[in-house]
Amino acid sequence: MASKGLPLYLATLLTGLLECIGFAGVLFGWTSLLFVFKAENYFSEPCEQDCLLQSNVTGPSDLKAQDEKFSLIFTLASFMNNFMTFPTGYIFDRFKT
């Protein structure tokens, strides 16, 4: 009889892991990921166009467009993390896990 609830416990574990890997990992590791993304020049295309317009300016280039895209990614990941709690909670309540 102890193995009767085992599939439900495994389903709870797997859906919890999927949610954490898919959404919470991005949110909690965002600060570290941001440094890596900037070093790898993700979303730097709009910044290169801005640099061509300001070719005589000395100093660091304006990376406002790149920062806006990173902010959008973080906002979407945060929203999805919060949004997915409702269906996950319903599934857990429905199947009595």
PDB file of N, CA and C in Angstrom:
ATOM      1  N   MET A   1       0.808  -1.185   0.000  1.00  0.00           N
ATOM      2  CA  MET A   1       0.000   0.000   0.000  1.00  0.00           C
ATOM      3  C   MET A   1       0.861   1.263   0.000  1.00  0.00           C
ATOM      4  N   ALA A   2       2.108   1.159   0.438  1.00  0.00           N
ATOM      5  CA  ALA A   2       2.964   2.340   0.507  1.00  0.00           C
ATOM      6  C   ALA A   2       3.325   2.843  -0.888  1.00  0.00           C
ATOM      7  N   SER A   3       3.333   1.944  -1.858  1.00  0.00           N
ATOM      8  CA  SER A   3       3.706   2.358  -3.211  1.00  0.00           C
ATOM      9  C   SER A   3       2.540   2.993  -3.970  1.00  0.00           C
ATOM     10  N   LYS A   4       1.344   3.006  -3.376  1.00  0.00           N
ATOM     11  CA  LYS A   4       0.181   3.585  -4.045  1.00  0.00           C
ATOM     12  C   LYS A   4       0.342   5.093  -4.246  1.00  0.00           C
ATOM     13  N   GLY A   5       0.918   5.793  -3.291  1.00  0.00           N
ATOM     14  CA  GLY A   5       1.115   7.232  -3.392  1.00  0.00           C
ATOM     15  C   GLY A   5       2.428   7.627  -4.049  1.00  0.00           C
ATOM     16  N   LEU A   6       3.256   6.660  -4.401  1.00  0.00           N
ATOM     17  CA  LEU A   6       4.568   6.957  -4.983  1.00  0.00           C
ATOM     18  C   LEU A   6       4.486   7.721  -6.298  1.00  0.00           C
ATOM     19  N   PRO A   7       3.603   7.359  -7.248  1.00  0.00           N
ATOM     20  CA  PRO A   7       3.532   8.150  -8.488  1.00  0.00           C
ATOM     21  C   PRO A   7       3.159   9.615  -8.252  1.00  0.00           C
ATOM     22  N   LEU A   8       2.283   9.862  -7.269  1.00  0.00           N
ATOM     23  CA  LEU A   8       1.913  11.245  -6.966  1.00  0.00           C
ATOM     24  C   LEU A   8       3.090  12.017  -6.390  1.00  0.00           C
ATOM     25  N   TYR A   9       3.860  11.385  -5.538  1.00  0.00           N
ATOM     26  CA  TYR A   9       5.023  12.052  -4.971  1.00  0.00           C
ATOM     27  C   TYR A   9       6.080  12.310  -6.041  1.00  0.00           C
ATOM     28  N   LEU A  10       6.254  11.377  -6.948  1.00  0.00           N
ATOM     29  CA  LEU A  10       7.204  11.587  -8.045  1.00  0.00           C
ATOM     30  C   LEU A  10       6.742  12.696  -8.981  1.00  0.00           C
ATOM     31  N   ALA A  11       5.434  12.748  -9.247  1.00  0.00           N
ATOM     32  CA  ALA A  11       4.900  13.818 -10.087  1.00  0.00           C
ATOM     33  C   ALA A  11       5.086  15.173  -9.422  1.00  0.00           C
ATOM     34  N   THR A  12       4.896  15.243  -8.121  1.00  0.00           N
ATOM     35  CA  THR A  12       5.119  16.484  -7.384  1.00  0.00           C
ATOM     36  C   THR A  12       6.574  16.913  -7.474  1.00  0.00           C
ATOM     37  N   LEU A  13       7.455  15.978  -7.277  1.00  0.00           N
ATOM     38  CA  LEU A  13       8.890  16.267  -7.349  1.00  0.00           C
ATOM     39  C   LEU A  13       9.291  16.748  -8.740  1.00  0.00           C
ATOM     40  N   LEU A  14       8.828  16.059  -9.773  1.00  0.00           N
ATOM     41  CA  LEU A  14       9.216  16.421 -11.142  1.00  0.00           C
ATOM     42  C   LEU A  14       8.657  17.772 -11.571  1.00  0.00           C
ATOM     43  N   THR A  15       7.400  18.054 -11.239  1.00  0.00           N
ATOM     44  CA  THR A  15       6.849  19.359 -11.621  1.00  0.00           C
ATOM     45  C   THR A  15       7.502  20.481 -10.832  1.00  0.00           C
ATOM     46  N   GLY A  16       7.825  20.244  -9.587  1.00  0.00           N
ATOM     47  CA  GLY A  16       8.531  21.251  -8.789  1.00  0.00           C
ATOM     48  C   GLY A  16       9.920  21.529  -9.338  1.00  0.00           C
ATOM     49  N   LEU A  17      10.634  20.473  -9.715  1.00  0.00           N
ATOM     50  CA  LEU A  17      11.958  20.654 -10.310  1.00  0.00           C
ATOM     51  C   LEU A  17      11.880  21.384 -11.649  1.00  0.00           C
ATOM     52  N   LEU A  18      10.896  21.029 -12.453  1.00  0.00           N
ATOM     53  CA  LEU A  18      10.733  21.684 -13.752  1.00  0.00           C
ATOM     54  C   LEU A  18      10.463  23.183 -13.576  1.00  0.00           C
ATOM     55  N   GLU A  19       9.607  23.518 -12.638  1.00  0.00           N
ATOM     56  CA  GLU A  19       9.301  24.927 -12.397  1.00  0.00           C
ATOM     57  C   GLU A  19      10.524  25.677 -11.878  1.00  0.00           C
ATOM     58  N   CYS A  20      11.270  25.075 -10.977  1.00  0.00           N
ATOM     59  CA  CYS A  20      12.455  25.742 -10.432  1.00  0.00           C
ATOM     60  C   CYS A  20      13.546  25.911 -11.481  1.00  0.00           C
ATOM     61  N   ILE A  21      13.762  24.890 -12.279  1.00  0.00           N
ATOM     62  CA  ILE A  21      14.799  24.980 -13.309  1.00  0.00           C
ATOM     63  C   ILE A  21      14.389  25.975 -14.384  1.00  0.00           C
ATOM     64  N   GLY A  22      13.119  25.950 -14.771  1.00  0.00           N
ATOM     65  CA  GLY A  22      12.673  26.809 -15.864  1.00  0.00           C
ATOM     66  C   GLY A  22      12.552  28.269 -15.515  1.00  0.00           C
ATOM     67  N   PHE A  23      12.131  28.578 -14.297  1.00  0.00           N
ATOM     68  CA  PHE A  23      11.829  29.971 -13.975  1.00  0.00           C
ATOM     69  C   PHE A  23      12.640  30.498 -12.801  1.00  0.00           C
ATOM     70  N   ALA A  24      12.663  29.791 -11.711  1.00  0.00           N
ATOM     71  CA  ALA A  24      13.345  30.310 -10.527  1.00  0.00           C
ATOM     72  C   ALA A  24      14.857  30.374 -10.725  1.00  0.00           C
ATOM     73  N   GLY A  25      15.417  29.451 -11.486  1.00  0.00           N
ATOM     74  CA  GLY A  25      16.855  29.486 -11.749  1.00  0.00           C
ATOM     75  C   GLY A  25      17.273  30.741 -12.480  1.00  0.00           C
ATOM     76  N   VAL A  26      16.453  31.187 -13.393  1.00  0.00           N
ATOM     77  CA  VAL A  26      16.751  32.425 -14.118  1.00  0.00           C
ATOM     78  C   VAL A  26      16.685  33.616 -13.174  1.00  0.00           C
ATOM     79  N   LEU A  27      15.703  33.625 -12.289  1.00  0.00           N
ATOM     80  CA  LEU A  27      15.541  34.765 -11.392  1.00  0.00           C
ATOM     81  C   LEU A  27      16.637  34.842 -10.346  1.00  0.00           C
ATOM     82  N   PHE A  28      16.935  33.731  -9.695  1.00  0.00           N
ATOM     83  CA  PHE A  28      17.908  33.768  -8.612  1.00  0.00           C
ATOM     84  C   PHE A  28      19.344  33.855  -9.117  1.00  0.00           C
ATOM     85  N   GLY A  29      19.591  33.422 -10.310  1.00  0.00           N
ATOM     86  CA  GLY A  29      20.930  33.507 -10.880  1.00  0.00           C
ATOM     87  C   GLY A  29      21.099  34.647 -11.855  1.00  0.00           C
ATOM     88  N   TRP A  30      20.144  35.576 -11.884  1.00  0.00           N
ATOM     89  CA  TRP A  30      20.149  36.627 -12.901  1.00  0.00           C
ATOM     90  C   TRP A  30      21.368  37.534 -12.807  1.00  0.00           C
ATOM     91  N   THR A  31      21.801  37.884 -11.613  1.00  0.00           N
ATOM     92  CA  THR A  31      22.936  38.789 -11.453  1.00  0.00           C
ATOM     93  C   THR A  31      24.190  38.192 -12.075  1.00  0.00           C
ATOM     94  N   SER A  32      24.425  36.927 -11.844  1.00  0.00           N
ATOM     95  CA  SER A  32      25.601  36.271 -12.423  1.00  0.00           C
ATOM     96  C   SER A  32      25.450  36.103 -13.933  1.00  0.00           C
ATOM     97  N   LEU A  33      24.240  35.760 -14.374  1.00  0.00           N
ATOM     98  CA  LEU A  33      24.011  35.595 -15.805  1.00  0.00           C
ATOM     99  C   LEU A  33      24.184  36.905 -16.558  1.00  0.00           C
ATOM    100  N   LEU A  34      23.825  38.015 -15.939  1.00  0.00           N
ATOM    101  CA  LEU A  34      23.928  39.310 -16.593  1.00  0.00           C
ATOM    102  C   LEU A  34      25.371  39.646 -16.953  1.00  0.00           C
ATOM    103  N   PHE A  35      26.307  39.357 -16.059  1.00  0.00           N
ATOM    104  CA  PHE A  35      27.719  39.603 -16.360  1.00  0.00           C
ATOM    105  C   PHE A  35      28.192  38.736 -17.523  1.00  0.00           C
ATOM    106  N   VAL A  36      27.763  37.492 -17.551  1.00  0.00           N
ATOM    107  CA  VAL A  36      28.152  36.575 -18.627  1.00  0.00           C
ATOM    108  C   VAL A  36      27.558  37.030 -19.955  1.00  0.00           C
ATOM    109  N   PHE A  37      26.283  37.405 -19.958  1.00  0.00           N
ATOM    110  CA  PHE A  37      25.640  37.861 -21.189  1.00  0.00           C
ATOM    111  C   PHE A  37      26.299  39.113 -21.743  1.00  0.00           C
ATOM    112  N   LYS A  38      26.659  40.039 -20.872  1.00  0.00           N
ATOM    113  CA  LYS A  38      27.318  41.263 -21.341  1.00  0.00           C
ATOM    114  C   LYS A  38      28.719  40.969 -21.863  1.00  0.00           C
ATOM    115  N   ALA A  39      29.431  40.038 -21.234  1.00  0.00           N
ATOM    116  CA  ALA A  39      30.776  39.672 -21.707  1.00  0.00           C
ATOM    117  C   ALA A  39      30.707  38.980 -23.065  1.00  0.00           C
ATOM    118  N   GLU A  40      29.640  38.236 -23.303  1.00  0.00           N
ATOM    119  CA  GLU A  40      29.458  37.543 -24.581  1.00  0.00           C
ATOM    120  C   GLU A  40      28.778  38.416 -25.636  1.00  0.00           C
ATOM    121  N   ASN A  41      28.499  39.672 -25.296  1.00  0.00           N
ATOM    122  CA  ASN A  41      27.906  40.657 -26.208  1.00  0.00           C
ATOM    123  C   ASN A  41      26.517  40.263 -26.712  1.00  0.00           C
ATOM    124  N   TYR A  42      25.688  39.709 -25.821  1.00  0.00           N
ATOM    125  CA  TYR A  42      24.304  39.438 -26.186  1.00  0.00           C
ATOM    126  C   TYR A  42      23.564  40.759 -26.327  1.00  0.00           C
ATOM    127  N   PHE A  43      22.734  40.875 -27.334  1.00  0.00           N
ATOM    128  CA  PHE A  43      21.913  42.060 -27.604  1.00  0.00           C
ATOM    129  C   PHE A  43      22.750  43.330 -27.750  1.00  0.00           C
ATOM    130  N   SER A  44      23.920  43.231 -28.334  1.00  0.00           N
ATOM    131  CA  SER A  44      24.752  44.418 -28.497  1.00  0.00           C
ATOM    132  C   SER A  44      24.563  45.081 -29.859  1.00  0.00           C
ATOM    133  N   GLU A  45      23.728  44.531 -30.725  1.00  0.00           N
ATOM    134  CA  GLU A  45      23.531  45.113 -32.055  1.00  0.00           C
ATOM    135  C   GLU A  45      22.999  46.539 -32.008  1.00  0.00           C
ATOM    136  N   PRO A  46      21.952  46.847 -31.210  1.00  0.00           N
ATOM    137  CA  PRO A  46      21.488  48.243 -31.154  1.00  0.00           C
ATOM    138  C   PRO A  46      22.553  49.184 -30.607  1.00  0.00           C
ATOM    139  N   CYS A  47      23.407  48.688 -29.729  1.00  0.00           N
ATOM    140  CA  CYS A  47      24.447  49.536 -29.152  1.00  0.00           C
ATOM    141  C   CYS A  47      25.496  49.901 -30.193  1.00  0.00           C
ATOM    142  N   GLU A  48      25.799  48.986 -31.104  1.00  0.00           N
ATOM    143  CA  GLU A  48      26.774  49.277 -32.153  1.00  0.00           C
ATOM    144  C   GLU A  48      26.255  50.360 -33.089  1.00  0.00           C
ATOM    145  N   GLN A  49      24.961  50.368 -33.344  1.00  0.00           N
ATOM    146  CA  GLN A  49      24.394  51.418 -34.191  1.00  0.00           C
ATOM    147  C   GLN A  49      24.470  52.769 -33.492  1.00  0.00           C
ATOM    148  N   ASP A  50      24.253  52.794 -32.187  1.00  0.00           N
ATOM    149  CA  ASP A  50      24.359  54.046 -31.446  1.00  0.00           C
ATOM    150  C   ASP A  50      25.792  54.552 -31.420  1.00  0.00           C
ATOM    151  N   CYS A  51      26.759  53.636 -31.368  1.00  0.00           N
ATOM    152  CA  CYS A  51      28.162  54.042 -31.335  1.00  0.00           C
ATOM    153  C   CYS A  51      28.581  54.680 -32.647  1.00  0.00           C
ATOM    154  N   LEU A  52      28.003  54.236 -33.763  1.00  0.00           N
ATOM    155  CA  LEU A  52      28.341  54.838 -35.046  1.00  0.00           C
ATOM    156  C   LEU A  52      27.875  56.283 -35.110  1.00  0.00           C
ATOM    157  N   LEU A  53      26.771  56.594 -34.466  1.00  0.00           N
ATOM    158  CA  LEU A  53      26.265  57.958 -34.454  1.00  0.00           C
ATOM    159  C   LEU A  53      27.110  58.867 -33.571  1.00  0.00           C
ATOM    160  N   GLN A  54      27.763  58.299 -32.574  1.00  0.00           N
ATOM    161  CA  GLN A  54      28.570  59.076 -31.633  1.00  0.00           C
ATOM    162  C   GLN A  54      30.029  58.679 -31.741  1.00  0.00           C
ATOM    163  N   SER A  55      30.618  58.774 -32.917  1.00  0.00           N
ATOM    164  CA  SER A  55      31.972  58.270 -33.124  1.00  0.00           C
ATOM    165  C   SER A  55      33.032  59.127 -32.463  1.00  0.00           C
ATOM    166  N   ASN A  56      32.768  60.412 -32.174  1.00  0.00           N
ATOM    167  CA  ASN A  56      33.763  61.276 -31.547  1.00  0.00           C
ATOM    168  C   ASN A  56      33.705  61.248 -30.023  1.00  0.00           C
ATOM    169  N   VAL A  57      32.736  60.582 -29.460  1.00  0.00           N
ATOM    170  CA  VAL A  57      32.580  60.557 -28.015  1.00  0.00           C
ATOM    171  C   VAL A  57      33.618  59.623 -27.418  1.00  0.00           C
ATOM    172  N   THR A  58      34.308  60.098 -26.392  1.00  0.00           N
ATOM    173  CA  THR A  58      35.273  59.250 -25.698  1.00  0.00           C
ATOM    174  C   THR A  58      34.619  58.697 -24.450  1.00  0.00           C
ATOM    175  N   GLY A  59      35.084  57.574 -24.005  1.00  0.00           N
ATOM    176  CA  GLY A  59      34.522  56.956 -22.809  1.00  0.00           C
ATOM    177  C   GLY A  59      33.667  55.763 -23.181  1.00  0.00           C
ATOM    178  N   PRO A  60      33.047  55.152 -22.178  1.00  0.00           N
ATOM    179  CA  PRO A  60      32.239  53.955 -22.442  1.00  0.00           C
ATOM    180  C   PRO A  60      31.011  54.295 -23.282  1.00  0.00           C
ATOM    181  N   SER A  61      30.660  53.379 -24.145  1.00  0.00           N
ATOM    182  CA  SER A  61      29.493  53.593 -25.004  1.00  0.00           C
ATOM    183  C   SER A  61      28.215  53.406 -24.200  1.00  0.00           C
ATOM    184  N   ASP A  62      27.142  53.998 -24.690  1.00  0.00           N
ATOM    185  CA  ASP A  62      25.848  53.909 -24.029  1.00  0.00           C
ATOM    186  C   ASP A  62      25.207  52.568 -24.374  1.00  0.00           C
ATOM    187  N   LEU A  63      24.961  51.753 -23.377  1.00  0.00           N
ATOM    188  CA  LEU A  63      24.393  50.424 -23.585  1.00  0.00           C
ATOM    189  C   LEU A  63      22.945  50.374 -23.108  1.00  0.00           C
ATOM    190  N   LYS A  64      22.229  51.466 -23.279  1.00  0.00           N
ATOM    191  CA  LYS A  64      20.863  51.560 -22.782  1.00  0.00           C
ATOM    192  C   LYS A  64      19.946  50.543 -23.458  1.00  0.00           C
ATOM    193  N   ALA A  65      20.080  50.356 -24.775  1.00  0.00           N
ATOM    194  CA  ALA A  65      19.222  49.404 -25.491  1.00  0.00           C
ATOM    195  C   ALA A  65      19.474  47.974 -25.018  1.00  0.00           C
ATOM    196  N   GLN A  66      20.732  47.650 -24.757  1.00  0.00           N
ATOM    197  CA  GLN A  66      21.072  46.315 -24.272  1.00  0.00           C
ATOM    198  C   GLN A  66      20.482  46.094 -22.873  1.00  0.00           C
ATOM    199  N   ASP A  67      20.596  47.087 -21.999  1.00  0.00           N
ATOM    200  CA  ASP A  67      20.048  46.970 -20.653  1.00  0.00           C
ATOM    201  C   ASP A  67      18.524  46.859 -20.669  1.00  0.00           C
ATOM    202  N   GLU A  68      17.880  47.536 -21.599  1.00  0.00           N
ATOM    203  CA  GLU A  68      16.422  47.441 -21.705  1.00  0.00           C
ATOM    204  C   GLU A  68      15.983  46.034 -22.095  1.00  0.00           C
ATOM    205  N   LYS A  69      16.716  45.388 -22.979  1.00  0.00           N
ATOM    206  CA  LYS A  69      16.360  44.014 -23.371  1.00  0.00           C
ATOM    207  C   LYS A  69      16.572  43.041 -22.215  1.00  0.00           C
ATOM    208  N   PHE A  70      17.664  43.225 -21.465  1.00  0.00           N
ATOM    209  CA  PHE A  70      17.887  42.372 -20.303  1.00  0.00           C
ATOM    210  C   PHE A  70      16.807  42.588 -19.247  1.00  0.00           C
ATOM    211  N   SER A  71      16.367  43.812 -19.074  1.00  0.00           N
ATOM    212  CA  SER A  71      15.296  44.110 -18.132  1.00  0.00           C
ATOM    213  C   SER A  71      13.991  43.443 -18.566  1.00  0.00           C
ATOM    214  N   LEU A  72      13.721  43.438 -19.854  1.00  0.00           N
ATOM    215  CA  LEU A  72      12.522  42.783 -20.374  1.00  0.00           C
ATOM    216  C   LEU A  72      12.560  41.280 -20.113  1.00  0.00           C
ATOM    217  N   ILE A  73      13.701  40.659 -20.303  1.00  0.00           N
ATOM    218  CA  ILE A  73      13.842  39.221 -20.050  1.00  0.00           C
ATOM    219  C   ILE A  73      13.580  38.918 -18.579  1.00  0.00           C
ATOM    220  N   PHE A  74      14.162  39.717 -17.686  1.00  0.00           N
ATOM    221  CA  PHE A  74      13.963  39.499 -16.259  1.00  0.00           C
ATOM    222  C   PHE A  74      12.501  39.683 -15.872  1.00  0.00           C
ATOM    223  N   THR A  75      11.849  40.689 -16.447  1.00  0.00           N
ATOM    224  CA  THR A  75      10.440  40.940 -16.138  1.00  0.00           C
ATOM    225  C   THR A  75       9.565  39.776 -16.589  1.00  0.00           C
ATOM    226  N   LEU A  76       9.813  39.255 -17.782  1.00  0.00           N
ATOM    227  CA  LEU A  76       9.033  38.114 -18.278  1.00  0.00           C
ATOM    228  C   LEU A  76       9.256  36.863 -17.432  1.00  0.00           C
ATOM    229  N   ALA A  77      10.504  36.609 -17.051  1.00  0.00           N
ATOM    230  CA  ALA A  77      10.793  35.432 -16.225  1.00  0.00           C
ATOM    231  C   ALA A  77      10.138  35.568 -14.854  1.00  0.00           C
ATOM    232  N   SER A  78      10.169  36.755 -14.284  1.00  0.00           N
ATOM    233  CA  SER A  78       9.524  36.980 -12.985  1.00  0.00           C
ATOM    234  C   SER A  78       8.016  36.787 -13.080  1.00  0.00           C
ATOM    235  N   PHE A  79       7.413  37.308 -14.148  1.00  0.00           N
ATOM    236  CA  PHE A  79       5.970  37.143 -14.339  1.00  0.00           C
ATOM    237  C   PHE A  79       5.603  35.670 -14.494  1.00  0.00           C
ATOM    238  N   MET A  80       6.354  34.935 -15.302  1.00  0.00           N
ATOM    239  CA  MET A  80       6.043  33.522 -15.515  1.00  0.00           C
ATOM    240  C   MET A  80       6.220  32.713 -14.230  1.00  0.00           C
ATOM    241  N   ASN A  81       7.209  33.068 -13.423  1.00  0.00           N
ATOM    242  CA  ASN A  81       7.398  32.367 -12.156  1.00  0.00           C
ATOM    243  C   ASN A  81       6.184  32.572 -11.253  1.00  0.00           C
ATOM    244  N   ASN A  82       5.687  33.790 -11.190  1.00  0.00           N
ATOM    245  CA  ASN A  82       4.516  34.062 -10.358  1.00  0.00           C
ATOM    246  C   ASN A  82       3.238  33.499 -10.972  1.00  0.00           C
ATOM    247  N   PHE A  83       3.116  33.553 -12.274  1.00  0.00           N
ATOM    248  CA  PHE A  83       1.915  33.075 -12.951  1.00  0.00           C
ATOM    249  C   PHE A  83       1.766  31.560 -12.843  1.00  0.00           C
ATOM    250  N   MET A  84       2.855  30.838 -12.888  1.00  0.00           N
ATOM    251  CA  MET A  84       2.795  29.374 -12.873  1.00  0.00           C
ATOM    252  C   MET A  84       2.446  28.805 -11.504  1.00  0.00           C
ATOM    253  N   THR A  85       2.434  29.622 -10.461  1.00  0.00           N
ATOM    254  CA  THR A  85       2.068  29.087  -9.151  1.00  0.00           C
ATOM    255  C   THR A  85       0.592  28.702  -9.087  1.00  0.00           C
ATOM    256  N   PHE A  86      -0.263  29.402  -9.835  1.00  0.00           N
ATOM    257  CA  PHE A  86      -1.693  29.064  -9.801  1.00  0.00           C
ATOM    258  C   PHE A  86      -1.974  27.689 -10.405  1.00  0.00           C
ATOM    259  N   PRO A  87      -1.569  27.394 -11.665  1.00  0.00           N
ATOM    260  CA  PRO A  87      -1.863  26.054 -12.188  1.00  0.00           C
ATOM    261  C   PRO A  87      -1.149  24.946 -11.421  1.00  0.00           C
ATOM    262  N   THR A  88       0.052  25.218 -10.945  1.00  0.00           N
ATOM    263  CA  THR A  88       0.768  24.200 -10.176  1.00  0.00           C
ATOM    264  C   THR A  88       0.043  23.920  -8.865  1.00  0.00           C
ATOM    265  N   GLY A  89      -0.426  24.960  -8.191  1.00  0.00           N
ATOM    266  CA  GLY A  89      -1.179  24.782  -6.957  1.00  0.00           C
ATOM    267  C   GLY A  89      -2.479  24.036  -7.190  1.00  0.00           C
ATOM    268  N   TYR A  90      -3.154  24.317  -8.311  1.00  0.00           N
ATOM    269  CA  TYR A  90      -4.392  23.609  -8.633  1.00  0.00           C
ATOM    270  C   TYR A  90      -4.120  22.118  -8.861  1.00  0.00           C
ATOM    271  N   ILE A  91      -3.065  21.831  -9.591  1.00  0.00           N
ATOM    272  CA  ILE A  91      -2.718  20.422  -9.849  1.00  0.00           C
ATOM    273  C   ILE A  91      -2.399  19.712  -8.541  1.00  0.00           C
ATOM    274  N   PHE A  92      -1.632  20.368  -7.661  1.00  0.00           N
ATOM    275  CA  PHE A  92      -1.301  19.744  -6.383  1.00  0.00           C
ATOM    276  C   PHE A  92      -2.547  19.522  -5.533  1.00  0.00           C
ATOM    277  N   ASP A  93      -3.475  20.462  -5.531  1.00  0.00           N
ATOM    278  CA  ASP A  93      -4.698  20.296  -4.755  1.00  0.00           C
ATOM    279  C   ASP A  93      -5.628  19.249  -5.373  1.00  0.00           C
ATOM    280  N   ARG A  94      -5.680  19.212  -6.668  1.00  0.00           N
ATOM    281  CA  ARG A  94      -6.595  18.301  -7.381  1.00  0.00           C
ATOM    282  C   ARG A  94      -6.208  16.837  -7.161  1.00  0.00           C
ATOM    283  N   PHE A  95      -4.898  16.567  -7.231  1.00  0.00           N
ATOM    284  CA  PHE A  95      -4.442  15.182  -7.113  1.00  0.00           C
ATOM    285  C   PHE A  95      -3.976  14.839  -5.693  1.00  0.00           C
ATOM    286  N   LYS A  96      -4.261  15.730  -4.765  1.00  0.00           N
ATOM    287  CA  LYS A  96      -3.980  15.493  -3.341  1.00  0.00           C
ATOM    288  C   LYS A  96      -2.530  15.116  -3.078  1.00  0.00           C
ATOM    289  N   THR A  97      -1.651  15.908  -3.616  1.00  0.00           N
ATOM    290  CA  THR A  97      -0.229  15.664  -3.343  1.00  0.00           C
ATOM    291  C   THR A  97       0.212  16.540  -2.203  1.00  0.00           C
TER     292      THR A  97
END
